[in-house]
PDB file of N, CA and C in Angstrom:
ATOM      1  N   MET A   1       7.812   9.952   6.806  1.00  0.00           N
ATOM      2  CA  MET A   1       7.550   8.396   6.950  1.00  0.00           C
ATOM      3  C   MET A   1       8.907   7.572   6.701  1.00  0.00           C
ATOM      4  N   LYS A   2       9.483   6.478   7.778  1.00  0.00           N
ATOM      5  CA  LYS A   2      10.420   5.656   7.424  1.00  0.00           C
ATOM      6  C   LYS A   2      10.143   4.595   6.928  1.00  0.00           C
ATOM      7  N   THR A   3      10.570   4.150   5.951  1.00  0.00           N
ATOM      8  CA  THR A   3      10.136   2.681   5.301  1.00  0.00           C
ATOM      9  C   THR A   3      11.160   1.771   5.454  1.00  0.00           C
ATOM     10  N   SER A   4      10.534   0.445   5.444  1.00  0.00           N
ATOM     11  CA  SER A   4      11.555  -0.746   5.540  1.00  0.00           C
ATOM     12  C   SER A   4      10.872  -1.770   4.736  1.00  0.00           C
ATOM     13  N   ASP A   5      11.806  -2.287   3.791  1.00  0.00           N
ATOM     14  CA  ASP A   5      11.417  -3.231   2.789  1.00  0.00           C
ATOM     15  C   ASP A   5      11.872  -4.780   2.973  1.00  0.00           C
ATOM     16  N   ILE A   6      10.984  -5.675   2.566  1.00  0.00           N
ATOM     17  CA  ILE A   6      11.453  -6.962   3.006  1.00  0.00           C
ATOM     18  C   ILE A   6      11.145  -7.699   1.340  1.00  0.00           C
ATOM     19  N   LYS A   7      12.019  -8.320   0.850  1.00  0.00           N
ATOM     20  CA  LYS A   7      12.018  -8.522  -0.537  1.00  0.00           C
ATOM     21  C   LYS A   7      12.141 -10.094  -0.577  1.00  0.00           C
ATOM     22  N   ILE A   8      11.125 -10.849  -1.372  1.00  0.00           N
ATOM     23  CA  ILE A   8      11.149 -12.128  -1.543  1.00  0.00           C
ATOM     24  C   ILE A   8      11.271 -12.500  -3.182  1.00  0.00           C
ATOM     25  N   THR A   9      12.406 -13.226  -3.246  1.00  0.00           N
ATOM     26  CA  THR A   9      12.641 -13.753  -4.611  1.00  0.00           C
ATOM     27  C   THR A   9      12.607 -15.240  -5.067  1.00  0.00           C
ATOM     28  N   VAL A  10      11.554 -15.578  -5.895  1.00  0.00           N
ATOM     29  CA  VAL A  10      11.317 -16.799  -6.177  1.00  0.00           C
ATOM     30  C   VAL A  10      12.217 -17.532  -7.531  1.00  0.00           C
ATOM     31  N   GLY A  11      12.943 -18.431  -7.514  1.00  0.00           N
ATOM     32  CA  GLY A  11      13.203 -19.016  -8.755  1.00  0.00           C
ATOM     33  C   GLY A  11      12.410 -20.073  -9.139  1.00  0.00           C
ATOM     34  N   LEU A  12      12.046 -19.953 -10.325  1.00  0.00           N
ATOM     35  CA  LEU A  12      11.100 -20.975 -10.848  1.00  0.00           C
ATOM     36  C   LEU A  12      11.494 -21.914 -11.666  1.00  0.00           C
ATOM     37  N   ASP A  13      10.816 -23.108 -11.794  1.00  0.00           N
ATOM     38  CA  ASP A  13      11.647 -24.058 -12.930  1.00  0.00           C
ATOM     39  C   ASP A  13      10.709 -23.840 -14.205  1.00  0.00           C
ATOM     40  N   GLU A  14      10.696 -24.766 -14.985  1.00  0.00           N
ATOM     41  CA  GLU A  14      10.201 -24.547 -16.357  1.00  0.00           C
ATOM     42  C   GLU A  14       8.523 -24.485 -16.402  1.00  0.00           C
ATOM     43  N   ASN A  15       8.039 -25.352 -15.190  1.00  0.00           N
ATOM     44  CA  ASN A  15       6.913 -25.417 -14.995  1.00  0.00           C
ATOM     45  C   ASN A  15       6.140 -24.497 -13.865  1.00  0.00           C
ATOM     46  N   ASN A  16       7.046 -23.430 -13.583  1.00  0.00           N
ATOM     47  CA  ASN A  16       6.768 -22.413 -12.465  1.00  0.00           C
ATOM     48  C   ASN A  16       6.356 -22.875 -11.335  1.00  0.00           C
ATOM     49  N   VAL A  17       7.136 -23.949 -11.016  1.00  0.00           N
ATOM     50  CA  VAL A  17       7.100 -24.616  -9.792  1.00  0.00           C
ATOM     51  C   VAL A  17       8.694 -24.026  -8.727  1.00  0.00           C
ATOM     52  N   PRO A  18       8.240 -23.563  -7.784  1.00  0.00           N
ATOM     53  CA  PRO A  18       9.387 -22.662  -6.866  1.00  0.00           C
ATOM     54  C   PRO A  18      10.675 -23.850  -6.806  1.00  0.00           C
ATOM     55  N   GLU A  19      11.937 -23.260  -7.077  1.00  0.00           N
ATOM     56  CA  GLU A  19      12.938 -24.118  -6.876  1.00  0.00           C
ATOM     57  C   GLU A  19      13.926 -23.530  -5.824  1.00  0.00           C
ATOM     58  N   LYS A  20      13.601 -22.058  -5.722  1.00  0.00           N
ATOM     59  CA  LYS A  20      14.528 -21.353  -4.974  1.00  0.00           C
ATOM     60  C   LYS A  20      13.648 -20.147  -4.605  1.00  0.00           C
ATOM     61  N   LEU A  21      13.888 -19.984  -3.145  1.00  0.00           N
ATOM     62  CA  LEU A  21      13.262 -18.869  -2.261  1.00  0.00           C
ATOM     63  C   LEU A  21      14.626 -18.155  -1.604  1.00  0.00           C
ATOM     64  N   LEU A  22      14.451 -16.562  -1.905  1.00  0.00           N
ATOM     65  CA  LEU A  22      15.328 -16.199  -1.185  1.00  0.00           C
ATOM     66  C   LEU A  22      14.915 -14.920  -0.626  1.00  0.00           C
ATOM     67  N   TRP A  23      15.374 -14.670   0.564  1.00  0.00           N
ATOM     68  CA  TRP A  23      14.726 -13.278   0.977  1.00  0.00           C
ATOM     69  C   TRP A  23      15.530 -12.241   1.610  1.00  0.00           C
ATOM     70  N   THR A  24      15.450 -11.024   1.785  1.00  0.00           N
ATOM     71  CA  THR A  24      15.994  -9.890   2.255  1.00  0.00           C
ATOM     72  C   THR A  24      15.600  -9.100   3.173  1.00  0.00           C
ATOM     73  N   ALA A  25      16.072  -8.835   3.879  1.00  0.00           N
ATOM     74  CA  ALA A  25      15.317  -7.696   5.186  1.00  0.00           C
ATOM     75  C   ALA A  25      16.573  -7.043   5.651  1.00  0.00           C
ATOM     76  N   GLN A  26      16.975  -5.727   4.860  1.00  0.00           N
ATOM     77  CA  GLN A  26      18.253  -4.945   5.213  1.00  0.00           C
ATOM     78  C   GLN A  26      18.153  -4.480   6.581  1.00  0.00           C
ATOM     79  N   ASP A  27      17.127  -3.897   7.116  1.00  0.00           N
ATOM     80  CA  ASP A  27      17.099  -3.480   8.155  1.00  0.00           C
ATOM     81  C   ASP A  27      17.206  -4.758   9.518  1.00  0.00           C
ATOM     82  N   GLY A  28      17.060  -5.865   9.259  1.00  0.00           N
ATOM     83  CA  GLY A  28      17.109  -7.000  10.027  1.00  0.00           C
ATOM     84  C   GLY A  28      18.449  -7.566   9.686  1.00  0.00           C
ATOM     85  N   GLY A  29      19.238  -7.243   8.974  1.00  0.00           N
ATOM     86  CA  GLY A  29      20.767  -7.827   8.644  1.00  0.00           C
ATOM     87  C   GLY A  29      20.481  -9.215   7.881  1.00  0.00           C
ATOM     88  N   VAL A  30      19.514  -9.214   7.102  1.00  0.00           N
ATOM     89  CA  VAL A  30      19.286 -10.390   6.214  1.00  0.00           C
ATOM     90  C   VAL A  30      19.387  -9.961   4.835  1.00  0.00           C
ATOM     91  N   GLU A  31      20.305 -10.791   4.025  1.00  0.00           N
ATOM     92  CA  GLU A  31      20.667 -10.511   2.865  1.00  0.00           C
ATOM     93  C   GLU A  31      20.655 -11.788   1.838  1.00  0.00           C
ATOM     94  N   GLN A  32      19.460 -12.079   0.802  1.00  0.00           N
ATOM     95  CA  GLN A  32      19.512 -13.053   0.153  1.00  0.00           C
ATOM     96  C   GLN A  32      19.550 -14.520   0.988  1.00  0.00           C
ATOM     97  N   GLU A  33      19.116 -14.634   1.999  1.00  0.00           N
ATOM     98  CA  GLU A  33      19.007 -15.760   2.746  1.00  0.00           C
ATOM     99  C   GLU A  33      18.048 -16.696   2.093  1.00  0.00           C
ATOM    100  N   GLU A  34      18.463 -18.073   1.957  1.00  0.00           N
ATOM    101  CA  GLU A  34      17.879 -19.214   1.291  1.00  0.00           C
ATOM    102  C   GLU A  34      16.711 -19.421   2.226  1.00  0.00           C
ATOM    103  N   ALA A  35      15.373 -20.041   1.851  1.00  0.00           N
ATOM    104  CA  ALA A  35      14.340 -20.489   2.515  1.00  0.00           C
ATOM    105  C   ALA A  35      13.810 -21.642   1.815  1.00  0.00           C
ATOM    106  N   LYS A  36      13.272 -22.557   2.580  1.00  0.00           N
ATOM    107  CA  LYS A  36      12.461 -23.727   1.474  1.00  0.00           C
ATOM    108  C   LYS A  36      11.070 -23.600   1.592  1.00  0.00           C
ATOM    109  N   ALA A  37      10.490 -22.279   2.423  1.00  0.00           N
ATOM    110  CA  ALA A  37       8.931 -22.585   2.481  1.00  0.00           C
ATOM    111  C   ALA A  37       8.717 -20.945   3.059  1.00  0.00           C
ATOM    112  N   LEU A  38       7.620 -20.510   2.675  1.00  0.00           N
ATOM    113  CA  LEU A  38       7.358 -19.204   3.364  1.00  0.00           C
ATOM    114  C   LEU A  38       5.671 -19.191   3.175  1.00  0.00           C
ATOM    115  N   LEU A  39       5.060 -18.589   4.396  1.00  0.00           N
ATOM    116  CA  LEU A  39       3.424 -18.482   4.531  1.00  0.00           C
ATOM    117  C   LEU A  39       3.600 -16.893   4.632  1.00  0.00           C
ATOM    118  N   LEU A  40       2.799 -16.295   3.872  1.00  0.00           N
ATOM    119  CA  LEU A  40       2.550 -14.890   4.197  1.00  0.00           C
ATOM    120  C   LEU A  40       1.163 -14.230   4.153  1.00  0.00           C
ATOM    121  N   SER A  41       0.551 -13.910   5.055  1.00  0.00           N
ATOM    122  CA  SER A  41      -0.842 -13.377   5.162  1.00  0.00           C
ATOM    123  C   SER A  41      -1.033 -11.927   5.174  1.00  0.00           C
ATOM    124  N   VAL A  42      -1.884 -11.170   4.381  1.00  0.00           N
ATOM    125  CA  VAL A  42      -2.192  -9.963   4.534  1.00  0.00           C
ATOM    126  C   VAL A  42      -3.499  -9.515   4.642  1.00  0.00           C
ATOM    127  N   TRP A  43      -3.853  -8.761   5.719  1.00  0.00           N
ATOM    128  CA  TRP A  43      -5.218  -8.355   5.908  1.00  0.00           C
ATOM    129  C   TRP A  43      -5.674  -7.188   4.924  1.00  0.00           C
ATOM    130  N   ASP A  44      -6.811  -7.721   4.184  1.00  0.00           N
ATOM    131  CA  ASP A  44      -7.418  -6.501   3.712  1.00  0.00           C
ATOM    132  C   ASP A  44      -8.836  -6.039   4.277  1.00  0.00           C
ATOM    133  N   SER A  45      -8.338  -4.947   4.936  1.00  0.00           N
ATOM    134  CA  SER A  45      -9.428  -4.174   5.626  1.00  0.00           C
ATOM    135  C   SER A  45     -10.532  -3.930   4.864  1.00  0.00           C
ATOM    136  N   LYS A  46     -10.663  -3.461   3.579  1.00  0.00           N
ATOM    137  CA  LYS A  46     -11.668  -3.077   2.944  1.00  0.00           C
ATOM    138  C   LYS A  46     -12.480  -4.019   2.743  1.00  0.00           C
ATOM    139  N   ALA A  47     -12.166  -5.504   2.316  1.00  0.00           N
ATOM    140  CA  ALA A  47     -12.681  -6.683   1.885  1.00  0.00           C
ATOM    141  C   ALA A  47     -13.062  -7.469   3.154  1.00  0.00           C
ATOM    142  N   LYS A  48     -12.430  -7.036   4.085  1.00  0.00           N
ATOM    143  CA  LYS A  48     -12.344  -7.871   5.504  1.00  0.00           C
ATOM    144  C   LYS A  48     -12.152  -9.265   5.100  1.00  0.00           C
ATOM    145  N   GLU A  49     -10.917  -9.368   4.580  1.00  0.00           N
ATOM    146  CA  GLU A  49     -10.337 -11.031   4.311  1.00  0.00           C
ATOM    147  C   GLU A  49      -9.066 -11.199   4.434  1.00  0.00           C
ATOM    148  N   THR A  50      -8.726 -12.211   4.268  1.00  0.00           N
ATOM    149  CA  THR A  50      -6.973 -12.390   4.375  1.00  0.00           C
ATOM    150  C   THR A  50      -6.592 -12.740   3.139  1.00  0.00           C
ATOM    151  N   LEU A  51      -5.369 -12.205   2.605  1.00  0.00           N
ATOM    152  CA  LEU A  51      -4.736 -12.523   1.072  1.00  0.00           C
ATOM    153  C   LEU A  51      -3.496 -13.396   1.642  1.00  0.00           C
ATOM    154  N   ARG A  52      -3.408 -14.392   1.154  1.00  0.00           N
ATOM    155  CA  ARG A  52      -2.384 -15.280   1.213  1.00  0.00           C
ATOM    156  C   ARG A  52      -1.236 -15.625   0.029  1.00  0.00           C
ATOM    157  N   ILE A  53      -0.174 -15.963   0.605  1.00  0.00           N
ATOM    158  CA  ILE A  53       1.054 -16.414  -0.575  1.00  0.00           C
ATOM    159  C   ILE A  53       1.375 -17.794   0.457  1.00  0.00           C
ATOM    160  N   ASP A  54       1.532 -18.800  -0.039  1.00  0.00           N
ATOM    161  CA  ASP A  54       1.890 -19.981   0.311  1.00  0.00           C
ATOM    162  C   ASP A  54       2.920 -20.802  -0.962  1.00  0.00           C
ATOM    163  N   LEU A  55       4.124 -20.682  -0.266  1.00  0.00           N
ATOM    164  CA  LEU A  55       5.257 -21.120  -1.195  1.00  0.00           C
ATOM    165  C   LEU A  55       6.107 -22.336  -0.554  1.00  0.00           C
ATOM    166  N   TRP A  56       6.331 -23.068  -1.220  1.00  0.00           N
ATOM    167  CA  TRP A  56       7.703 -24.104  -0.647  1.00  0.00           C
ATOM    168  C   TRP A  56       8.325 -24.551  -1.911  1.00  0.00           C
ATOM    169  N   THR A  57       9.583 -24.758  -1.744  1.00  0.00           N
ATOM    170  CA  THR A  57      10.182 -25.290  -2.998  1.00  0.00           C
ATOM    171  C   THR A  57      10.226 -26.963  -3.214  1.00  0.00           C
ATOM    172  N   LYS A  58      10.293 -27.032  -4.345  1.00  0.00           N
ATOM    173  CA  LYS A  58       9.935 -28.865  -4.630  1.00  0.00           C
ATOM    174  C   LYS A  58      10.969 -29.703  -3.717  1.00  0.00           C
ATOM    175  N   ASP A  59      12.043 -29.095  -3.353  1.00  0.00           N
ATOM    176  CA  ASP A  59      12.808 -30.172  -2.475  1.00  0.00           C
ATOM    177  C   ASP A  59      12.639 -30.129  -0.955  1.00  0.00           C
ATOM    178  N   MET A  60      11.631 -29.273  -0.515  1.00  0.00           N
ATOM    179  CA  MET A  60      11.229 -28.995   0.682  1.00  0.00           C
ATOM    180  C   MET A  60      10.654 -30.534   1.381  1.00  0.00           C
ATOM    181  N   PRO A  61      11.540 -31.051   2.288  1.00  0.00           N
ATOM    182  CA  PRO A  61      11.055 -32.383   2.716  1.00  0.00           C
ATOM    183  C   PRO A  61       9.803 -32.240   3.564  1.00  0.00           C
ATOM    184  N   VAL A  62       9.008 -33.214   3.407  1.00  0.00           N
ATOM    185  CA  VAL A  62       7.584 -33.361   4.083  1.00  0.00           C
ATOM    186  C   VAL A  62       7.853 -33.324   5.998  1.00  0.00           C
ATOM    187  N   ASP A  63       8.812 -34.022   6.402  1.00  0.00           N
ATOM    188  CA  ASP A  63       9.087 -34.133   7.813  1.00  0.00           C
ATOM    189  C   ASP A  63       9.616 -32.641   8.085  1.00  0.00           C
ATOM    190  N   GLU A  64      10.157 -31.872   7.124  1.00  0.00           N
ATOM    191  CA  GLU A  64      10.381 -30.197   7.887  1.00  0.00           C
ATOM    192  C   GLU A  64       9.107 -29.547   7.644  1.00  0.00           C
ATOM    193  N   MET A  65       8.342 -30.003   6.449  1.00  0.00           N
ATOM    194  CA  MET A  65       7.267 -29.068   6.359  1.00  0.00           C
ATOM    195  C   MET A  65       6.180 -29.272   7.733  1.00  0.00           C
ATOM    196  N   LYS A  66       6.230 -30.380   8.209  1.00  0.00           N
ATOM    197  CA  LYS A  66       5.382 -30.731   9.395  1.00  0.00           C
ATOM    198  C   LYS A  66       5.788 -29.916  10.667  1.00  0.00           C
ATOM    199  N   GLN A  67       7.250 -29.671  10.777  1.00  0.00           N
ATOM    200  CA  GLN A  67       7.917 -28.952  11.907  1.00  0.00           C
ATOM    201  C   GLN A  67       7.633 -27.490  11.437  1.00  0.00           C
ATOM    202  N   PHE A  68       7.454 -27.030  10.447  1.00  0.00           N
ATOM    203  CA  PHE A  68       7.448 -25.750   9.813  1.00  0.00           C
ATOM    204  C   PHE A  68       6.002 -25.349  10.336  1.00  0.00           C
ATOM    205  N   PHE A  69       4.642 -26.099   9.878  1.00  0.00           N
ATOM    206  CA  PHE A  69       3.522 -25.807  10.081  1.00  0.00           C
ATOM    207  C   PHE A  69       3.490 -25.713  11.763  1.00  0.00           C
ATOM    208  N   HIS A  70       3.884 -26.811  12.443  1.00  0.00           N
ATOM    209  CA  HIS A  70       3.908 -26.891  13.833  1.00  0.00           C
ATOM    210  C   HIS A  70       4.539 -25.678  14.645  1.00  0.00           C
ATOM    211  N   GLN A  71       5.437 -25.207  13.981  1.00  0.00           N
ATOM    212  CA  GLN A  71       5.960 -23.847  14.619  1.00  0.00           C
ATOM    213  C   GLN A  71       5.307 -22.671  14.187  1.00  0.00           C
ATOM    214  N   THR A  72       4.901 -22.644  12.970  1.00  0.00           N
ATOM    215  CA  THR A  72       4.265 -21.384  12.535  1.00  0.00           C
ATOM    216  C   THR A  72       2.683 -21.431  13.406  1.00  0.00           C
ATOM    217  N   LEU A  73       2.152 -22.622  13.682  1.00  0.00           N
ATOM    218  CA  LEU A  73       0.974 -22.489  14.655  1.00  0.00           C
ATOM    219  C   LEU A  73       1.128 -22.130  16.034  1.00  0.00           C
ATOM    220  N   VAL A  74       2.266 -22.532  16.688  1.00  0.00           N
ATOM    221  CA  VAL A  74       2.785 -22.110  17.916  1.00  0.00           C
ATOM    222  C   VAL A  74       2.658 -20.591  18.272  1.00  0.00           C
ATOM    223  N   ALA A  75       3.529 -20.086  16.820  1.00  0.00           N
ATOM    224  CA  ALA A  75       3.898 -18.803  16.874  1.00  0.00           C
ATOM    225  C   ALA A  75       2.642 -17.591  16.504  1.00  0.00           C
ATOM    226  N   MET A  76       1.836 -18.308  15.747  1.00  0.00           N
ATOM    227  CA  MET A  76       0.356 -17.609  15.602  1.00  0.00           C
ATOM    228  C   MET A  76      -0.421 -17.603  16.922  1.00  0.00           C
ATOM    229  N   ALA A  77      -0.375 -18.583  17.940  1.00  0.00           N
ATOM    230  CA  ALA A  77      -0.719 -18.840  19.325  1.00  0.00           C
ATOM    231  C   ALA A  77      -0.409 -17.511  19.945  1.00  0.00           C
ATOM    232  N   ASP A  78       1.119 -17.250  20.020  1.00  0.00           N
ATOM    233  CA  ASP A  78       1.653 -16.076  20.797  1.00  0.00           C
ATOM    234  C   ASP A  78       1.389 -14.827  20.317  1.00  0.00           C
ATOM    235  N   THR A  79       1.268 -14.753  19.016  1.00  0.00           N
ATOM    236  CA  THR A  79       0.815 -13.435  18.299  1.00  0.00           C
ATOM    237  C   THR A  79      -0.286 -13.229  18.679  1.00  0.00           C
ATOM    238  N   PHE A  80      -1.494 -14.245  18.558  1.00  0.00           N
ATOM    239  CA  PHE A  80      -2.629 -14.011  18.834  1.00  0.00           C
ATOM    240  C   PHE A  80      -2.941 -13.437  20.351  1.00  0.00           C
ATOM    241  N   GLN A  81      -2.151 -13.929  21.553  1.00  0.00           N
ATOM    242  CA  GLN A  81      -2.209 -13.349  22.703  1.00  0.00           C
ATOM    243  C   GLN A  81      -1.469 -12.036  22.829  1.00  0.00           C
ATOM    244  N   ARG A  82      -0.685 -11.903  22.060  1.00  0.00           N
ATOM    245  CA  ARG A  82      -0.164 -10.354  22.006  1.00  0.00           C
ATOM    246  C   ARG A  82      -0.841  -9.377  21.532  1.00  0.00           C
ATOM    247  N   ALA A  83      -1.796  -9.965  20.609  1.00  0.00           N
ATOM    248  CA  ALA A  83      -2.424  -8.689  19.478  1.00  0.00           C
ATOM    249  C   ALA A  83      -3.730  -8.461  20.475  1.00  0.00           C
ATOM    250  N   THR A  84      -4.342  -9.759  20.856  1.00  0.00           N
ATOM    251  CA  THR A  84      -5.686  -9.548  21.543  1.00  0.00           C
ATOM    252  C   THR A  84      -6.133  -9.783  22.939  1.00  0.00           C
ATOM    253  N   ALA A  85      -4.952 -10.163  23.736  1.00  0.00           N
ATOM    254  CA  ALA A  85      -4.780 -10.279  25.251  1.00  0.00           C
ATOM    255  C   ALA A  85      -5.607 -11.349  25.495  1.00  0.00           C
ATOM    256  N   ASP A  86      -6.237 -12.112  24.801  1.00  0.00           N
ATOM    257  CA  ASP A  86      -7.217 -13.183  25.025  1.00  0.00           C
ATOM    258  C   ASP A  86      -6.257 -14.605  25.195  1.00  0.00           C
ATOM    259  N   GLU A  87      -6.280 -14.634  26.779  1.00  0.00           N
ATOM    260  CA  GLU A  87      -5.411 -15.468  27.189  1.00  0.00           C
ATOM    261  C   GLU A  87      -5.969 -17.245  27.123  1.00  0.00           C
ATOM    262  N   LYS A  88      -7.327 -17.282  27.289  1.00  0.00           N
ATOM    263  CA  LYS A  88      -7.902 -18.439  27.185  1.00  0.00           C
ATOM    264  C   LYS A  88      -8.237 -19.045  25.690  1.00  0.00           C
ATOM    265  N   MET A  89      -8.350 -18.124  24.666  1.00  0.00           N
ATOM    266  CA  MET A  89      -8.380 -18.796  23.406  1.00  0.00           C
ATOM    267  C   MET A  89      -6.726 -19.007  22.794  1.00  0.00           C
ATOM    268  N   SER A  90      -5.804 -18.242  23.303  1.00  0.00           N
ATOM    269  CA  SER A  90      -4.383 -18.514  23.291  1.00  0.00           C
ATOM    270  C   SER A  90      -3.970 -19.728  23.542  1.00  0.00           C
ATOM    271  N   ASP A  91      -4.580 -20.248  24.848  1.00  0.00           N
ATOM    272  CA  ASP A  91      -4.217 -21.467  25.413  1.00  0.00           C
ATOM    273  C   ASP A  91      -4.797 -22.490  24.646  1.00  0.00           C
ATOM    274  N   THR A  92      -6.088 -22.352  24.179  1.00  0.00           N
ATOM    275  CA  THR A  92      -6.892 -23.213  23.292  1.00  0.00           C
ATOM    276  C   THR A  92      -6.019 -23.683  22.048  1.00  0.00           C
ATOM    277  N   MET A  93      -5.442 -22.552  21.434  1.00  0.00           N
ATOM    278  CA  MET A  93      -4.636 -22.693  20.262  1.00  0.00           C
ATOM    279  C   MET A  93      -3.282 -23.324  20.750  1.00  0.00           C
ATOM    280  N   ARG A  94      -2.904 -23.524  21.495  1.00  0.00           N
ATOM    281  CA  ARG A  94      -1.450 -24.002  22.206  1.00  0.00           C
ATOM    282  C   ARG A  94      -1.951 -25.510  22.478  1.00  0.00           C
ATOM    283  N   ASP A  95      -3.011 -25.707  23.049  1.00  0.00           N
ATOM    284  CA  ASP A  95      -3.571 -27.277  23.193  1.00  0.00           C
ATOM    285  C   ASP A  95      -3.780 -27.787  21.977  1.00  0.00           C
ATOM    286  N   PHE A  96      -4.133 -27.331  20.954  1.00  0.00           N
ATOM    287  CA  PHE A  96      -4.011 -27.805  19.611  1.00  0.00           C
ATOM    288  C   PHE A  96      -2.788 -27.934  19.108  1.00  0.00           C
ATOM    289  N   CYS A  97      -1.553 -27.131  19.380  1.00  0.00           N
ATOM    290  CA  CYS A  97      -0.190 -27.194  18.747  1.00  0.00           C
ATOM    291  C   CYS A  97       0.154 -28.419  19.018  1.00  0.00           C
ATOM    292  N   ASP A  98      -0.286 -28.679  20.594  1.00  0.00           N
ATOM    293  CA  ASP A  98       0.246 -29.974  21.121  1.00  0.00           C
ATOM    294  C   ASP A  98      -0.337 -31.243  20.687  1.00  0.00           C
ATOM    295  N   TYR A  99      -1.716 -31.220  20.169  1.00  0.00           N
ATOM    296  CA  TYR A  99      -2.315 -32.320  19.752  1.00  0.00           C
ATOM    297  C   TYR A  99      -1.590 -32.512  18.322  1.00  0.00           C
ATOM    298  N   PHE A 100      -1.387 -31.292  17.510  1.00  0.00           N
ATOM    299  CA  PHE A 100      -1.022 -31.760  16.165  1.00  0.00           C
ATOM    300  C   PHE A 100       0.490 -32.127  16.162  1.00  0.00           C
ATOM    301  N   ALA A 101       1.466 -31.804  17.183  1.00  0.00           N
ATOM    302  CA  ALA A 101       2.545 -32.520  17.452  1.00  0.00           C
ATOM    303  C   ALA A 101       2.808 -33.735  17.818  1.00  0.00           C
ATOM    304  N   GLU A 102       1.507 -34.124  18.470  1.00  0.00           N
ATOM    305  CA  GLU A 102       1.307 -35.675  19.021  1.00  0.00           C
ATOM    306  C   GLU A 102       1.175 -36.506  17.552  1.00  0.00           C
ATOM    307  N   LYS A 103       0.162 -35.732  16.902  1.00  0.00           N
ATOM    308  CA  LYS A 103      -0.388 -36.652  15.779  1.00  0.00           C
ATOM    309  C   LYS A 103       0.734 -36.743  14.489  1.00  0.00           C
ATOM    310  N   MET A 104       1.368 -35.656  14.618  1.00  0.00           N
ATOM    311  CA  MET A 104       2.519 -35.669  13.602  1.00  0.00           C
ATOM    312  C   MET A 104       3.809 -36.580  13.802  1.00  0.00           C
ATOM    313  N   ASP A 105       3.749 -36.898  15.229  1.00  0.00           N
ATOM    314  CA  ASP A 105       4.964 -37.668  15.879  1.00  0.00           C
ATOM    315  C   ASP A 105       6.259 -36.485  15.866  1.00  0.00           C
ATOM    316  N   LEU A 106       5.917 -35.314  15.995  1.00  0.00           N
ATOM    317  CA  LEU A 106       7.245 -34.412  16.088  1.00  0.00           C
ATOM    318  C   LEU A 106       7.893 -34.443  17.801  1.00  0.00           C
ATOM    319  N   LYS A 107       9.056 -34.227  17.814  1.00  0.00           N
ATOM    320  CA  LYS A 107       9.519 -34.641  18.958  1.00  0.00           C
ATOM    321  C   LYS A 107       9.867 -32.785  19.173  1.00  0.00           C
ATOM    322  N   VAL A 108       8.957 -32.224  20.363  1.00  0.00           N
ATOM    323  CA  VAL A 108       9.016 -30.743  20.755  1.00  0.00           C
ATOM    324  C   VAL A 108       9.375 -30.764  22.068  1.00  0.00           C
TER     325      VAL A 108
END
């Protein structure tokens, strides 16, 4: 079996607050790229629950966090449609994304 690794390195300050996030995905040509935030969800099929890692650096601007969440929600709607072929619910999710963008005053 072939494997592919994705590595996340978290640099912490003296209070264990993330100061720097770096990620590497050699198969994707990414080597120690800096990020300001990440959301990682893993499905535990035994427990039937989602495990999460939500991290952002202390210098992540709030306006960028709003954009990050909006783009993540849009991507989730797209992924949901590809994974389930449920077009009606995917469209409903996209409607919420439009509402979110409007309420957050995002230019999309």
